[in-house]
C-alpha atoms as a PDB file:
ATOM      1  CA  MET A   1      37.952  22.702  -1.495  1.00  0.00           C
ATOM      2  CA  GLU A   2      38.880  18.857  -1.626  1.00  0.00           C
ATOM      3  CA  SER A   3      35.636  16.757  -2.723  1.00  0.00           C
ATOM      4  CA  ARG A   4      35.338  13.214  -1.072  1.00  0.00           C
ATOM      5  CA  ARG A   5      33.684  10.230  -2.892  1.00  0.00           C
ATOM      6  CA  LEU A   6      31.377   8.371  -1.138  1.00  0.00           C
ATOM      7  CA  SER A   7      32.407   4.657  -1.281  1.00  0.00           C
ATOM      8  CA  LEU A   8      30.042   1.999  -0.355  1.00  0.00           C
ATOM      9  CA  HIS A   9      30.584  -1.669   1.119  1.00  0.00           C
ATOM     10  CA  PRO A  10      31.340  -4.177  -1.423  1.00  0.00           C
ATOM     11  CA  SER A  11      28.447  -6.140  -0.474  1.00  0.00           C
ATOM     12  CA  PHE A  12      26.188  -3.297  -0.878  1.00  0.00           C
ATOM     13  CA  ASN A  13      23.222  -3.894  -3.492  1.00  0.00           C
ATOM     14  CA  LEU A  14      20.396  -1.722  -4.278  1.00  0.00           C
ATOM     15  CA  LYS A  15      18.158  -4.456  -4.362  1.00  0.00           C
ATOM     16  CA  MET A  16      18.587  -4.597  -0.435  1.00  0.00           C
ATOM     17  CA  LEU A  17      16.884  -1.032  -0.051  1.00  0.00           C
ATOM     18  CA  LYS A  18      13.456  -1.834   1.154  1.00  0.00           C
ATOM     19  CA  TYR A  19      10.735   0.408   1.162  1.00  0.00           C
ATOM     20  CA  ARG A  20       8.290   0.758   3.964  1.00  0.00           C
ATOM     21  CA  TYR A  21       4.455   0.729   3.468  1.00  0.00           C
ATOM     22  CA  VAL A  22       1.253   0.955   5.582  1.00  0.00           C
ATOM     23  CA  ILE A  23      -1.104  -0.927   3.570  1.00  0.00           C
ATOM     24  CA  ASP A  24      -5.034  -0.488   3.829  1.00  0.00           C
ATOM     25  CA  ALA A  25      -7.375  -3.616   4.189  1.00  0.00           C
ATOM     26  CA  SER A  26      -9.030  -2.925   1.266  1.00  0.00           C
ATOM     27  CA  VAL A  27      -6.124  -2.733  -0.850  1.00  0.00           C
ATOM     28  CA  LEU A  28      -5.242  -6.186   0.512  1.00  0.00           C
ATOM     29  CA  ILE A  29      -8.658  -7.392  -0.553  1.00  0.00           C
ATOM     30  CA  ASP A  30      -8.596  -6.133  -3.792  1.00  0.00           C
ATOM     31  CA  PHE A  31      -5.195  -8.127  -4.591  1.00  0.00           C
ATOM     32  CA  TYR A  32      -6.656 -11.163  -2.969  1.00  0.00           C
ATOM     33  CA  HIS A  33      -9.732 -11.042  -5.102  1.00  0.00           C
ATOM     34  CA  SER A  34      -7.476 -10.761  -8.080  1.00  0.00           C
ATOM     35  CA  ASN A  35      -5.377 -13.439  -7.282  1.00  0.00           C
ATOM     36  CA  ILE A  36      -2.039 -11.458  -7.133  1.00  0.00           C
ATOM     37  CA  LEU A  37      -1.559 -11.090  -3.528  1.00  0.00           C
ATOM     38  CA  LYS A  38       1.263 -13.456  -3.636  1.00  0.00           C
ATOM     39  CA  VAL A  39       2.872 -11.329  -6.319  1.00  0.00           C
ATOM     40  CA  LEU A  40       2.235  -8.157  -4.366  1.00  0.00           C
ATOM     41  CA  PHE A  41       4.714  -9.328  -1.260  1.00  0.00           C
ATOM     42  CA  ARG A  42       7.268  -9.958  -3.994  1.00  0.00           C
ATOM     43  CA  LEU A  43       7.729  -6.449  -4.094  1.00  0.00           C
ATOM     44  CA  ASN A  44      11.062  -5.431  -2.556  1.00  0.00           C
ATOM     45  CA  ALA A  45       9.212  -3.906   0.664  1.00  0.00           C
ATOM     46  CA  GLU A  46       8.572  -3.859   4.364  1.00  0.00           C
ATOM     47  CA  TRP A  47       4.600  -4.275   4.606  1.00  0.00           C
ATOM     48  CA  MET A  48       2.841  -2.961   7.742  1.00  0.00           C
ATOM     49  CA  ILE A  49      -0.638  -2.805   8.946  1.00  0.00           C
ATOM     50  CA  SER A  50      -2.077  -2.076  12.647  1.00  0.00           C
ATOM     51  CA  ASP A  51      -3.409  -4.666  14.994  1.00  0.00           C
ATOM     52  CA  LEU A  52      -6.585  -2.659  14.836  1.00  0.00           C
ATOM     53  CA  SER A  53      -6.786  -2.507  11.011  1.00  0.00           C
ATOM     54  CA  ILE A  54      -6.088  -6.338  10.546  1.00  0.00           C
ATOM     55  CA  LEU A  55      -9.225  -7.010  12.313  1.00  0.00           C
ATOM     56  CA  GLU A  56     -11.169  -5.797   9.129  1.00  0.00           C
ATOM     57  CA  LEU A  57      -9.863  -8.767   7.290  1.00  0.00           C
ATOM     58  CA  ILE A  58     -11.605 -12.188   6.664  1.00  0.00           C
ATOM     59  CA  ASP A  59     -10.386 -13.082   3.455  1.00  0.00           C
ATOM     60  CA  PRO A  60      -7.360 -12.793   3.288  1.00  0.00           C
ATOM     61  CA  ASP A  61      -6.937 -14.356   6.501  1.00  0.00           C
ATOM     62  CA  THR A  62      -4.264 -12.855   8.870  1.00  0.00           C
ATOM     63  CA  GLN A  63      -2.150 -15.998   9.060  1.00  0.00           C
ATOM     64  CA  THR A  64      -1.874 -16.018   5.289  1.00  0.00           C
ATOM     65  CA  LEU A  65      -0.724 -12.390   5.097  1.00  0.00           C
ATOM     66  CA  ILE A  66       1.772 -13.019   8.042  1.00  0.00           C
ATOM     67  CA  SER A  67       3.257 -15.845   6.058  1.00  0.00           C
ATOM     68  CA  LEU A  68       3.505 -13.505   3.013  1.00  0.00           C
ATOM     69  CA  GLY A  69       5.437 -11.112   5.026  1.00  0.00           C
ATOM     70  CA  LEU A  70       2.918  -8.629   6.382  1.00  0.00           C
ATOM     71  CA  GLN A  71       3.778  -7.000   9.854  1.00  0.00           C
ATOM     72  CA  VAL A  72       0.811  -6.464  12.084  1.00  0.00           C
ATOM     73  CA  LEU A  73       2.112  -3.676  14.649  1.00  0.00           C
ATOM     74  CA  GLU A  74       0.599  -3.005  17.822  1.00  0.00           C
ATOM     75  CA  LEU A  75      -0.543   0.464  18.532  1.00  0.00           C
ATOM     76  CA  ASP A  76       0.688   1.885  21.834  1.00  0.00           C
ATOM     77  CA  GLY A  77      -0.667   4.508  24.191  1.00  0.00           C
ATOM     78  CA  GLU A  78       0.792   7.376  22.304  1.00  0.00           C
ATOM     79  CA  ASP A  79      -0.473   5.816  19.048  1.00  0.00           C
ATOM     80  CA  ILE A  80      -4.157   5.804  20.820  1.00  0.00           C
ATOM     81  CA  LYS A  81      -3.803   9.368  21.921  1.00  0.00           C
ATOM     82  CA  ASN A  82      -2.723  10.668  18.419  1.00  0.00           C
ATOM     83  CA  ILE A  83      -5.576   8.441  16.514  1.00  0.00           C
ATOM     84  CA  ILE A  84      -7.740  10.696  18.872  1.00  0.00           C
ATOM     85  CA  MET A  85      -6.469  13.809  17.938  1.00  0.00           C
ATOM     86  CA  ILE A  86      -6.735  12.818  14.298  1.00  0.00           C
ATOM     87  CA  GLY A  87     -10.141  11.920  14.571  1.00  0.00           C
ATOM     88  CA  GLU A  88     -10.975  15.647  15.884  1.00  0.00           C
ATOM     89  CA  LYS A  89      -9.074  17.166  12.936  1.00  0.00           C
ATOM     90  CA  TYR A  90     -10.467  14.412  10.320  1.00  0.00           C
ATOM     91  CA  PRO A  91     -14.044  13.337  11.529  1.00  0.00           C
ATOM     92  CA  ALA A  92     -14.898  11.642   8.085  1.00  0.00           C
ATOM     93  CA  LEU A  93     -11.918   8.965   8.967  1.00  0.00           C
ATOM     94  CA  THR A  94     -12.730   5.855  10.760  1.00  0.00           C
ATOM     95  CA  VAL A  95     -10.673   4.489  13.583  1.00  0.00           C
ATOM     96  CA  SER A  96      -8.758   2.120  11.333  1.00  0.00           C
ATOM     97  CA  ASP A  97      -7.945   5.154   8.697  1.00  0.00           C
ATOM     98  CA  ARG A  98      -6.471   6.997  11.679  1.00  0.00           C
ATOM     99  CA  ALA A  99      -4.156   4.041  12.947  1.00  0.00           C
ATOM    100  CA  HIS A 100      -2.884   4.062   9.083  1.00  0.00           C
ATOM    101  CA  LEU A 101      -1.990   7.515   9.396  1.00  0.00           C
ATOM    102  CA  VAL A 102      -0.484   7.394  12.691  1.00  0.00           C
ATOM    103  CA  LEU A 103       1.622   4.183  11.718  1.00  0.00           C
ATOM    104  CA  SER A 104       2.672   5.857   8.605  1.00  0.00           C
ATOM    105  CA  LYS A 105       4.040   8.852  10.605  1.00  0.00           C
ATOM    106  CA  ARG A 106       5.624   6.796  13.117  1.00  0.00           C
ATOM    107  CA  LYS A 107       7.292   4.654  10.804  1.00  0.00           C
ATOM    108  CA  SER A 108       8.216   6.947   8.016  1.00  0.00           C
ATOM    109  CA  ALA A 109       6.158   5.168   5.552  1.00  0.00           C
ATOM    110  CA  VAL A 110       4.224   5.362   2.498  1.00  0.00           C
ATOM    111  CA  LEU A 111       0.593   4.770   2.844  1.00  0.00           C
ATOM    112  CA  ILE A 112      -1.012   2.681   0.505  1.00  0.00           C
ATOM    113  CA  THR A 113      -4.925   3.308   0.398  1.00  0.00           C
ATOM    114  CA  GLY A 114      -7.698   3.765  -2.036  1.00  0.00           C
ATOM    115  CA  ASP A 115      -9.722   5.472   0.279  1.00  0.00           C
ATOM    116  CA  GLN A 116     -10.183   9.354  -0.994  1.00  0.00           C
ATOM    117  CA  HIS A 117     -10.658  10.768   2.599  1.00  0.00           C
ATOM    118  CA  LEU A 118      -7.555   9.016   3.954  1.00  0.00           C
ATOM    119  CA  ARG A 119      -5.550   9.902   1.021  1.00  0.00           C
ATOM    120  CA  GLN A 120      -6.654  13.476   1.334  1.00  0.00           C
ATOM    121  CA  ALA A 121      -5.640  13.364   4.940  1.00  0.00           C
ATOM    122  CA  ALA A 122      -2.430  11.753   4.449  1.00  0.00           C
ATOM    123  CA  GLU A 123      -1.388  14.425   1.835  1.00  0.00           C
ATOM    124  CA  LYS A 124      -2.390  17.288   4.336  1.00  0.00           C
ATOM    125  CA  GLU A 125      -0.287  15.757   7.207  1.00  0.00           C
ATOM    126  CA  GLY A 126       2.810  15.301   4.513  1.00  0.00           C
ATOM    127  CA  ILE A 127       2.495  11.609   4.336  1.00  0.00           C
ATOM    128  CA  THR A 128       3.591  10.055   0.807  1.00  0.00           C
ATOM    129  CA  VAL A 129       0.456   8.193  -0.475  1.00  0.00           C
ATOM    130  CA  HIS A 130      -0.152   5.703  -3.300  1.00  0.00           C
ATOM    131  CA  GLY A 131      -2.957   3.394  -4.262  1.00  0.00           C
ATOM    132  CA  THR A 132      -3.836   0.082  -6.022  1.00  0.00           C
ATOM    133  CA  LEU A 133      -3.059   1.585  -9.485  1.00  0.00           C
ATOM    134  CA  TRP A 134       0.092   2.632  -8.355  1.00  0.00           C
ATOM    135  CA  LEU A 135       1.092  -0.698  -6.998  1.00  0.00           C
ATOM    136  CA  LEU A 136       0.239  -2.535 -10.340  1.00  0.00           C
ATOM    137  CA  ASP A 137       2.307   0.197 -12.236  1.00  0.00           C
ATOM    138  CA  GLU A 138       5.085  -0.573 -10.103  1.00  0.00           C
ATOM    139  CA  MET A 139       4.541  -4.513 -10.438  1.00  0.00           C
ATOM    140  CA  VAL A 140       4.637  -4.167 -14.305  1.00  0.00           C
ATOM    141  CA  SER A 141       7.837  -1.883 -14.193  1.00  0.00           C
ATOM    142  CA  ARG A 142       9.718  -4.549 -11.901  1.00  0.00           C
ATOM    143  CA  CYS A 143       8.501  -7.312 -14.416  1.00  0.00           C
ATOM    144  CA  LEU A 144       6.557  -8.938 -11.621  1.00  0.00           C
ATOM    145  CA  LEU A 145       3.701  -8.680 -13.861  1.00  0.00           C
ATOM    146  CA  THR A 146       3.136  -8.758 -17.501  1.00  0.00           C
ATOM    147  CA  PRO A 147       0.885  -5.639 -18.784  1.00  0.00           C
ATOM    148  CA  LYS A 148      -1.552  -8.333 -19.944  1.00  0.00           C
ATOM    149  CA  GLN A 149      -1.926  -9.830 -16.296  1.00  0.00           C
ATOM    150  CA  ALA A 150      -2.120  -6.504 -14.663  1.00  0.00           C
ATOM    151  CA  ALA A 151      -5.000  -5.783 -17.000  1.00  0.00           C
ATOM    152  CA  SER A 152      -6.832  -8.926 -16.090  1.00  0.00           C
ATOM    153  CA  ALA A 153      -6.008  -8.426 -12.253  1.00  0.00           C
ATOM    154  CA  LEU A 154      -7.445  -4.880 -12.628  1.00  0.00           C
ATOM    155  CA  GLN A 155     -10.522  -6.022 -14.518  1.00  0.00           C
ATOM    156  CA  GLU A 156     -11.157  -8.772 -11.903  1.00  0.00           C
ATOM    157  CA  MET A 157     -10.639  -6.207  -9.053  1.00  0.00           C
ATOM    158  CA  ILE A 158     -13.314  -4.095 -10.661  1.00  0.00           C
ATOM    159  CA  ASN A 159     -15.595  -7.189 -11.412  1.00  0.00           C
ATOM    160  CA  LYS A 160     -15.330  -7.997  -7.641  1.00  0.00           C
ATOM    161  CA  GLY A 161     -16.638  -4.488  -6.780  1.00  0.00           C
ATOM    162  CA  SER A 162     -13.393  -2.667  -5.827  1.00  0.00           C
ATOM    163  CA  TYR A 163     -13.934   1.377  -5.431  1.00  0.00           C
ATOM    164  CA  LEU A 164     -11.309   2.433  -8.160  1.00  0.00           C
ATOM    165  CA  PRO A 165     -11.722   5.264 -10.237  1.00  0.00           C
ATOM    166  CA  ALA A 166     -13.250   3.891 -13.437  1.00  0.00           C
ATOM    167  CA  ALA A 167     -11.902   6.317 -16.027  1.00  0.00           C
ATOM    168  CA  GLU A 168      -8.210   5.894 -14.430  1.00  0.00           C
ATOM    169  CA  CYS A 169      -8.746   2.041 -14.628  1.00  0.00           C
ATOM    170  CA  GLN A 170      -9.989   1.999 -18.363  1.00  0.00           C
ATOM    171  CA  LYS A 171      -6.964   4.079 -19.342  1.00  0.00           C
ATOM    172  CA  ARG A 172      -4.591   1.578 -17.704  1.00  0.00           C
ATOM    173  CA  ILE A 173      -6.231  -1.475 -19.003  1.00  0.00           C
ATOM    174  CA  LYS A 174      -5.927  -0.013 -22.800  1.00  0.00           C
ATOM    175  CA  LEU A 175      -2.491   0.985 -21.912  1.00  0.00           C
ATOM    176  CA  TRP A 176      -1.569  -2.495 -20.673  1.00  0.00           C
ATOM    177  CA  LEU A 177      -3.342  -4.132 -23.605  1.00  0.00           C
ATOM    178  CA  GLY A 178      -1.820  -2.115 -26.136  1.00  0.00           C
ATOM    179  CA  LYS A 179      -5.143  -0.251 -27.131  1.00  0.00           C
ATOM    180  CA  LYS A 180      -5.932   3.282 -28.088  1.00  0.00           C
END
């Protein structure tokens, strides 16, 4: 049997590949409070939020987020039906949380959230889900933040009242600061 090699166009560059993320408002707030929101949007990704979920935000404001690259997606009639059905299946989720699930499925996107109920529902629905700590790890691994900057940003999120897992946060801070 003859084997074929896949050849790529000469202009193809792996950096051109973009990941798709539906991001929860609480994560945007955490990054805003830690003054690294602009750095977050430097990750090579397509960032999305529903028109319903964007209404939860005061700071950062919608125009700032759009200028950084956040896409605000309109929910259609089919999405609304799915939001209602998901509500029956997962009554602990807010309408905004349900919108995140619907958009993640529709756009085949990774869901970024810190909400435990939303995370569990996403996993049950077969949606890949990550949170703030994962994003910070990504930013460090891609040299968008130094480990010390990530530790400082995470500490600021904690100081501002973020609902992140305390033990995991302390582990990351120690790791990034080179402490045992």
